[in-house]
Amino acid sequence: MNTKWTESTKYTVTIVLGLLLVWLIWIAKPLIGPIVISALLAFTLNPLVTWLCNHTRMNHNVAVVVVYTLLTVLLVAFPYIALDELENNNDLSETVNWVLDTTGLLFSQSFTIAGITLLPSDWVTNIDQFIAESVATIAGNTLNFIATFTGNMIWVLITMVTLFYFLKDGSRLKQNMLKLAPQNVRHEWEQLLTEIDHAWGAFLRGQLLLMLIVGILAALGGVAIGLPGAVILGVLAGLLDIVPSLGPTVSGIVAIAVGMVLGSTYLNIPNGWFGLLVAALYFFVQQIENIWLRPQIMSNRLRLHPGVIFVGVVGALAVQGILAALLIVPIMASASILGRYFYSKLTDSDG
């Protein structure tokens, strides 16, 4: 057991282990999504765990159990609370019915823009047959739906279990990674991990703040011009803003469609012109976010140009989907930190 490996043996073993790690990651690709989501949730909730430890007599494990239990109760209780409100609140029920009816109205009414009359029902032929075929397709794929639902529940379970262990043992992960570093560079590795940790924290806090501000601006603007369901559409705008660039566009399209179909609740203008007014409102909100809010909240903290953020999000969305679009900004920030570190080493500078 005391035999020392030669340099060639060390390199060979390192390469084999690296290839094995890549193969394992490739095999475990379906698990990446739930693990990433649980890691982000743990990163978001960890400050609350730290606060409980610092301001109460709870130890770390007890604080983790408390936070995890509160999150689980919230996730389980929210659907029941929402359904109860839906049953007992007539205004809310009417609002939900309005949302469900909007699609039908969109295809049954015409609207005019600059003297040009558009009839959406002309865009879809034989809607009744389409609906009937869709219902038949859904009925024929009931077993597939059940299987998909069961699979999704399994992924939710994996996410929640992984979240618990990330909260409980996440602090040890950094220390274990540092132990892998040679002693002479361990301090530099610690600095790198701290910078990356700060970048992800800044991203999450900034994204939550952006979502809140965008939702409030969209809701207040909608109320000001008499947009039906302005508050709901504002909430939608805030939630969809979690996907930068694409989310606000989708919420804007929905709001424009609502404005064109239902018109303003008090402005006496044609629905088509009101739709343009809604488009101007959402365009204005997007410009405030992209030109002022996002650079102030995101770009300055992460040291990334807004144009780089925009291109990265759109490219990630096109190539890898929504999850990649959600993560590309902090990933680019982390890559920038590592890039500056490697550049400083390659050029023997102090970067």
Protein backbone atom coordinates (compact mmCIF):
# COMPACT_ATOMS: atom_id res chain seq x y z
CA MET A 1 0.00 0.00 0.00
CA ASN A 2 3.04 2.29 0.29
CA THR A 3 3.94 2.03 -3.40
CA LYS A 4 3.96 5.47 -5.02
CA TRP A 5 2.40 6.03 -8.42
CA THR A 6 4.49 7.36 -11.24
CA GLU A 7 3.55 10.65 -12.89
CA SER A 8 2.18 8.83 -15.94
CA THR A 9 0.01 6.64 -13.71
CA LYS A 10 -1.37 9.69 -11.92
CA TYR A 11 -2.23 11.38 -15.22
CA THR A 12 -3.84 8.20 -16.56
CA VAL A 13 -5.98 7.72 -13.45
CA THR A 14 -6.98 11.39 -13.49
CA ILE A 15 -8.08 11.18 -17.13
CA VAL A 16 -10.01 7.95 -16.55
CA LEU A 17 -11.76 9.38 -13.49
CA GLY A 18 -12.59 12.55 -15.43
CA LEU A 19 -14.11 10.56 -18.31
CA LEU A 20 -16.02 8.43 -15.82
CA LEU A 21 -17.40 11.56 -14.17
CA VAL A 22 -18.52 12.96 -17.55
CA TRP A 23 -20.21 9.63 -18.35
CA LEU A 24 -22.02 9.58 -15.01
CA ILE A 25 -23.23 13.15 -15.52
CA TRP A 26 -24.49 12.21 -18.99
CA ILE A 27 -26.35 9.19 -17.61
CA ALA A 28 -27.86 11.29 -14.81
CA LYS A 29 -29.05 14.10 -17.13
CA PRO A 30 -32.73 13.70 -16.08
CA LEU A 31 -31.70 14.43 -12.49
CA ILE A 32 -29.94 17.69 -13.31
CA GLY A 33 -33.14 19.76 -13.47
CA PRO A 34 -34.51 18.76 -10.04
CA ILE A 35 -31.07 19.04 -8.45
CA VAL A 36 -30.50 22.52 -9.88
CA ILE A 37 -33.95 23.68 -8.75
CA SER A 38 -33.43 22.30 -5.25
CA ALA A 39 -29.98 23.92 -5.09
CA LEU A 40 -31.46 27.30 -6.07
CA LEU A 41 -34.23 26.92 -3.49
CA ALA A 42 -31.67 25.99 -0.84
CA PHE A 43 -29.54 28.98 -1.81
CA THR A 44 -32.59 31.24 -1.51
CA LEU A 45 -33.74 29.81 1.83
CA ASN A 46 -30.32 29.52 3.44
CA PRO A 47 -30.29 33.18 4.63
CA LEU A 48 -33.48 32.45 6.57
CA VAL A 49 -31.82 29.42 8.18
CA THR A 50 -28.81 31.59 9.07
CA TRP A 51 -31.07 34.29 10.52
CA LEU A 52 -32.87 31.77 12.74
CA CYS A 53 -29.55 30.44 13.98
CA ASN A 54 -28.23 33.93 14.76
CA HIS A 55 -31.38 35.38 16.35
CA THR A 56 -32.76 32.36 18.20
CA ARG A 57 -31.36 29.50 20.22
CA MET A 58 -31.94 27.05 17.38
CA ASN A 59 -29.00 25.06 16.11
CA HIS A 60 -28.49 24.62 12.37
CA ASN A 61 -30.36 21.33 12.02
CA VAL A 62 -33.42 22.58 13.94
CA ALA A 63 -33.50 25.78 11.86
CA VAL A 64 -33.36 23.70 8.68
CA VAL A 65 -36.29 21.56 9.83
CA VAL A 66 -38.32 24.67 10.72
CA VAL A 67 -37.69 26.39 7.37
CA TYR A 68 -38.25 23.18 5.40
CA THR A 69 -41.50 22.48 7.26
CA LEU A 70 -42.77 26.02 6.67
CA LEU A 71 -42.02 25.74 2.95
CA THR A 72 -43.73 22.35 2.70
CA VAL A 73 -46.82 23.59 4.55
CA LEU A 74 -46.96 26.64 2.29
CA LEU A 75 -46.69 24.56 -0.88
CA VAL A 76 -49.36 22.12 0.29
CA ALA A 77 -51.73 24.73 1.72
CA PHE A 78 -51.60 27.22 -1.13
CA PRO A 79 -53.75 25.22 -3.60
CA TYR A 80 -56.40 24.59 -0.93
CA ILE A 81 -56.46 28.25 0.11
CA ALA A 82 -56.71 29.35 -3.51
CA LEU A 83 -59.57 26.93 -4.21
CA ASP A 84 -61.39 28.02 -1.06
CA GLU A 85 -61.05 31.67 -2.08
CA LEU A 86 -62.26 30.75 -5.54
CA GLU A 87 -65.39 29.14 -4.11
CA ASN A 88 -66.20 31.85 -1.54
CA ASN A 89 -65.18 35.00 -3.39
CA ASN A 90 -67.65 35.93 -6.10
CA ASP A 91 -65.40 38.64 -7.52
CA LEU A 92 -62.52 36.21 -7.80
CA SER A 93 -64.76 33.60 -9.41
CA GLU A 94 -65.96 36.15 -11.92
CA THR A 95 -62.36 37.12 -12.64
CA VAL A 96 -61.34 33.52 -13.26
CA ASN A 97 -64.36 33.01 -15.51
CA TRP A 98 -63.36 36.16 -17.35
CA VAL A 99 -59.88 34.77 -17.94
CA LEU A 100 -61.33 31.51 -19.25
CA ASP A 101 -63.77 33.33 -21.53
CA THR A 102 -61.15 35.70 -22.96
CA THR A 103 -59.79 33.13 -25.40
CA GLY A 104 -63.25 32.45 -26.76
CA LEU A 105 -63.96 36.16 -27.11
CA LEU A 106 -60.69 36.65 -28.93
CA PHE A 107 -61.89 34.36 -31.71
CA SER A 108 -65.49 35.62 -31.78
CA GLN A 109 -65.03 39.41 -31.95
CA SER A 110 -63.42 41.69 -34.48
CA PHE A 111 -61.23 44.68 -33.74
CA THR A 112 -60.01 47.59 -35.82
CA ILE A 113 -56.55 49.10 -36.03
CA ALA A 114 -56.00 52.19 -38.20
CA GLY A 115 -59.10 51.44 -40.24
CA ILE A 116 -58.20 47.78 -40.83
CA THR A 117 -60.71 45.28 -39.43
CA LEU A 118 -59.35 41.95 -38.23
CA LEU A 119 -61.51 38.92 -37.40
CA PRO A 120 -59.55 36.31 -35.41
CA SER A 121 -62.17 33.64 -36.12
CA ASP A 122 -60.97 33.68 -39.73
CA TRP A 123 -57.58 32.51 -38.53
CA VAL A 124 -58.92 29.24 -37.15
CA THR A 125 -61.24 27.11 -39.26
CA ASN A 126 -63.75 24.66 -37.89
CA ILE A 127 -63.07 25.39 -34.21
CA ASP A 128 -65.73 22.94 -33.05
CA GLN A 129 -64.09 20.10 -34.95
CA PHE A 130 -60.71 21.15 -33.58
CA ILE A 131 -62.01 21.07 -30.00
CA ALA A 132 -63.72 17.70 -30.55
CA GLU A 133 -60.53 16.20 -31.95
CA SER A 134 -58.55 17.65 -29.05
CA VAL A 135 -60.95 16.13 -26.51
CA ALA A 136 -60.73 12.78 -28.27
CA THR A 137 -56.95 12.98 -28.25
CA ILE A 138 -56.90 13.80 -24.54
CA ALA A 139 -59.25 10.91 -23.78
CA GLY A 140 -57.11 8.56 -25.83
CA ASN A 141 -54.00 9.57 -23.94
CA THR A 142 -55.37 9.35 -20.42
CA LEU A 143 -52.90 6.64 -19.44
CA ASN A 144 -50.04 8.75 -20.77
CA PHE A 145 -51.32 11.68 -18.72
CA ILE A 146 -51.44 9.54 -15.57
CA ALA A 147 -47.93 8.27 -16.24
CA THR A 148 -46.66 11.80 -16.83
CA PHE A 149 -48.37 13.07 -13.69
CA THR A 150 -46.86 10.24 -11.64
CA GLY A 151 -43.44 10.96 -13.11
CA ASN A 152 -43.76 14.65 -12.27
CA MET A 153 -44.71 13.81 -8.70
CA ILE A 154 -41.58 11.68 -8.44
CA TRP A 155 -39.46 14.60 -9.66
CA VAL A 156 -41.15 16.87 -7.12
CA LEU A 157 -40.32 14.33 -4.40
CA ILE A 158 -36.70 14.15 -5.56
CA THR A 159 -36.49 17.95 -5.56
CA MET A 160 -37.91 18.26 -2.05
CA VAL A 161 -35.67 15.52 -0.61
CA THR A 162 -32.60 17.00 -2.29
CA LEU A 163 -33.59 20.45 -1.03
CA PHE A 164 -33.60 19.20 2.56
CA TYR A 165 -30.08 17.81 2.30
CA PHE A 166 -28.80 20.90 0.50
CA LEU A 167 -30.12 23.03 3.37
CA LYS A 168 -28.74 20.66 5.97
CA ASP A 169 -25.30 19.90 4.52
CA GLY A 170 -24.76 22.62 1.92
CA SER A 171 -22.25 24.45 4.09
CA ARG A 172 -20.08 21.34 4.17
CA LEU A 173 -19.94 21.19 0.38
CA LYS A 174 -17.74 24.27 0.16
CA GLN A 175 -15.35 22.91 2.78
CA ASN A 176 -15.13 19.55 1.02
CA MET A 177 -14.36 21.28 -2.28
CA LEU A 178 -11.62 23.31 -0.62
CA LYS A 179 -10.04 20.14 0.75
CA LEU A 180 -9.51 18.99 -2.85
CA ALA A 181 -7.31 22.00 -3.55
CA PRO A 182 -3.55 21.91 -2.93
CA GLN A 183 -2.59 23.75 0.23
CA ASN A 184 -0.76 26.54 -1.60
CA VAL A 185 -3.84 27.55 -3.66
CA ARG A 186 -6.56 26.75 -1.13
CA HIS A 187 -6.92 30.40 -0.11
CA GLU A 188 -7.40 31.43 -3.75
CA TRP A 189 -10.02 28.73 -4.25
CA GLU A 190 -11.84 29.97 -1.17
CA GLN A 191 -11.88 33.49 -2.58
CA LEU A 192 -13.19 32.20 -5.91
CA LEU A 193 -16.00 30.23 -4.27
CA THR A 194 -16.91 33.26 -2.15
CA GLU A 195 -17.09 35.51 -5.23
CA ILE A 196 -19.22 32.97 -7.10
CA ASP A 197 -21.46 32.59 -4.05
CA HIS A 198 -21.94 36.37 -3.92
CA ALA A 199 -22.71 36.45 -7.66
CA TRP A 200 -25.46 33.85 -7.35
CA GLY A 201 -26.86 35.58 -4.28
CA ALA A 202 -26.90 38.92 -6.08
CA PHE A 203 -28.65 37.32 -9.04
CA LEU A 204 -31.39 35.69 -6.96
CA ARG A 205 -32.05 38.79 -4.87
CA GLY A 206 -31.98 40.99 -7.94
CA GLN A 207 -34.33 38.73 -9.89
CA LEU A 208 -36.88 38.65 -7.08
CA LEU A 209 -36.73 42.44 -6.81
CA LEU A 210 -37.16 42.84 -10.57
CA MET A 211 -40.16 40.51 -10.58
CA LEU A 212 -41.79 42.50 -7.79
CA ILE A 213 -41.18 45.88 -9.43
CA VAL A 214 -42.31 44.75 -12.89
CA GLY A 215 -45.48 43.21 -11.47
CA ILE A 216 -46.33 46.40 -9.55
CA LEU A 217 -45.63 48.67 -12.54
CA ALA A 218 -47.70 46.52 -14.91
CA ALA A 219 -50.61 46.30 -12.44
CA LEU A 220 -50.64 50.03 -11.62
CA GLY A 221 -50.32 50.97 -15.28
CA GLY A 222 -53.13 48.61 -16.23
CA VAL A 223 -55.41 50.03 -13.55
CA ALA A 224 -54.59 53.58 -14.68
CA ILE A 225 -55.73 52.96 -18.26
CA GLY A 226 -58.68 50.72 -17.35
CA LEU A 227 -57.25 47.36 -18.46
CA PRO A 228 -59.63 44.56 -17.36
CA GLY A 229 -57.96 42.18 -14.91
CA ALA A 230 -55.03 44.57 -14.52
CA VAL A 231 -53.97 43.14 -11.15
CA ILE A 232 -54.00 39.54 -12.40
CA LEU A 233 -52.11 40.56 -15.54
CA GLY A 234 -49.62 42.44 -13.35
CA VAL A 235 -49.04 39.34 -11.24
CA LEU A 236 -48.58 37.36 -14.46
CA ALA A 237 -46.05 39.92 -15.71
CA GLY A 238 -44.11 39.68 -12.46
CA LEU A 239 -44.07 35.89 -12.41
CA LEU A 240 -43.08 35.55 -16.07
CA ASP A 241 -40.29 38.07 -15.57
CA ILE A 242 -38.35 35.21 -14.00
CA VAL A 243 -37.43 34.42 -17.63
CA PRO A 244 -35.65 37.65 -18.65
CA SER A 245 -36.63 39.19 -22.00
CA LEU A 246 -39.01 36.40 -23.04
CA GLY A 247 -41.28 36.53 -19.97
CA PRO A 248 -42.24 40.21 -20.29
CA THR A 249 -42.89 39.70 -24.02
CA VAL A 250 -45.30 36.83 -23.37
CA SER A 251 -47.14 38.70 -20.61
CA GLY A 252 -47.35 41.75 -22.89
CA ILE A 253 -48.91 39.70 -25.70
CA VAL A 254 -51.53 38.33 -23.29
CA ALA A 255 -52.35 41.83 -22.01
CA ILE A 256 -52.59 43.23 -25.55
CA ALA A 257 -54.99 40.44 -26.54
CA VAL A 258 -57.16 41.18 -23.50
CA GLY A 259 -57.15 44.90 -24.30
CA MET A 260 -58.15 44.33 -27.92
CA VAL A 261 -60.98 41.97 -27.00
CA LEU A 262 -62.47 43.66 -23.93
CA GLY A 263 -61.38 47.27 -24.35
CA SER A 264 -60.97 49.79 -21.54
CA THR A 265 -63.30 49.90 -18.56
CA TYR A 266 -63.58 53.70 -18.80
CA LEU A 267 -61.56 55.10 -21.72
CA ASN A 268 -63.87 55.80 -24.65
CA ILE A 269 -61.58 54.60 -27.46
CA PRO A 270 -61.85 51.71 -29.97
CA ASN A 271 -60.54 48.35 -28.77
CA GLY A 272 -57.85 48.31 -31.43
CA TRP A 273 -56.40 51.62 -30.30
CA PHE A 274 -56.69 50.50 -26.68
CA GLY A 275 -54.67 47.40 -27.58
CA LEU A 276 -51.96 49.70 -28.92
CA LEU A 277 -52.13 51.68 -25.67
CA VAL A 278 -51.62 48.45 -23.69
CA ALA A 279 -48.70 47.58 -25.97
CA ALA A 280 -47.19 51.00 -25.28
CA LEU A 281 -47.64 50.48 -21.52
CA TYR A 282 -45.88 47.10 -21.51
CA PHE A 283 -43.19 48.41 -23.86
CA PHE A 284 -42.63 51.29 -21.43
CA VAL A 285 -42.39 48.88 -18.47
CA GLN A 286 -39.89 46.72 -20.39
CA GLN A 287 -37.78 49.76 -21.26
CA ILE A 288 -37.73 50.86 -17.61
CA GLU A 289 -36.62 47.36 -16.65
CA ASN A 290 -34.03 46.91 -19.41
CA ILE A 291 -32.58 50.42 -19.52
CA TRP A 292 -32.61 51.39 -15.85
CA LEU A 293 -33.69 48.65 -13.43
CA ARG A 294 -31.79 45.64 -14.79
CA PRO A 295 -28.49 47.49 -15.29
CA GLN A 296 -28.74 48.94 -11.79
CA ILE A 297 -29.89 45.75 -10.07
CA MET A 298 -28.19 43.03 -12.14
CA SER A 299 -25.46 44.26 -14.44
CA ASN A 300 -23.55 46.38 -11.93
CA ARG A 301 -23.63 43.67 -9.27
CA LEU A 302 -22.64 40.87 -11.64
CA ARG A 303 -20.25 42.94 -13.80
CA LEU A 304 -22.03 41.89 -17.00
CA HIS A 305 -23.14 44.19 -19.81
CA PRO A 306 -26.95 44.27 -20.36
CA GLY A 307 -26.40 43.32 -24.01
CA VAL A 308 -24.44 40.24 -22.96
CA ILE A 309 -27.25 39.28 -20.59
CA PHE A 310 -29.87 39.69 -23.34
CA VAL A 311 -27.95 37.64 -25.92
CA GLY A 312 -27.13 34.95 -23.36
CA VAL A 313 -30.75 34.55 -22.25
CA VAL A 314 -32.14 34.41 -25.79
CA GLY A 315 -29.43 32.00 -26.92
CA ALA A 316 -29.87 29.72 -23.91
CA LEU A 317 -33.64 29.70 -24.40
CA ALA A 318 -33.30 28.78 -28.07
CA VAL A 319 -30.71 26.05 -27.51
CA GLN A 320 -31.55 24.47 -24.14
CA GLY A 321 -34.95 25.76 -23.02
CA ILE A 322 -36.39 27.61 -20.04
CA LEU A 323 -34.15 26.12 -17.33
CA ALA A 324 -31.03 27.23 -19.20
CA ALA A 325 -32.51 30.71 -19.70
CA LEU A 326 -33.14 30.95 -15.96
CA LEU A 327 -29.58 29.99 -15.07
CA ILE A 328 -27.52 31.50 -17.86
CA VAL A 329 -27.02 34.90 -16.17
CA PRO A 330 -25.41 33.61 -12.93
CA ILE A 331 -23.53 31.00 -14.95
CA MET A 332 -22.07 33.76 -17.14
CA ALA A 333 -21.21 35.73 -14.01
CA SER A 334 -19.44 32.69 -12.55
CA ALA A 335 -17.61 32.11 -15.85
CA SER A 336 -16.53 35.76 -15.83
CA ILE A 337 -15.10 35.36 -12.32
CA LEU A 338 -13.21 32.21 -13.33
CA GLY A 339 -12.07 33.86 -16.56
CA ARG A 340 -10.57 36.81 -14.70
CA TYR A 341 -8.81 34.41 -12.33
CA PHE A 342 -7.31 32.31 -15.13
CA TYR A 343 -6.31 35.44 -17.06
CA SER A 344 -4.50 36.82 -14.02
CA LYS A 345 -2.61 33.53 -13.67
CA LEU A 346 -1.73 33.30 -17.36
CA THR A 347 -0.46 36.88 -17.46
CA ASP A 348 1.12 36.85 -13.99
CA SER A 349 -0.97 39.86 -13.02
CA ASP A 350 -2.70 40.58 -9.73
CA GLY A 351 -6.32 40.49 -11.21
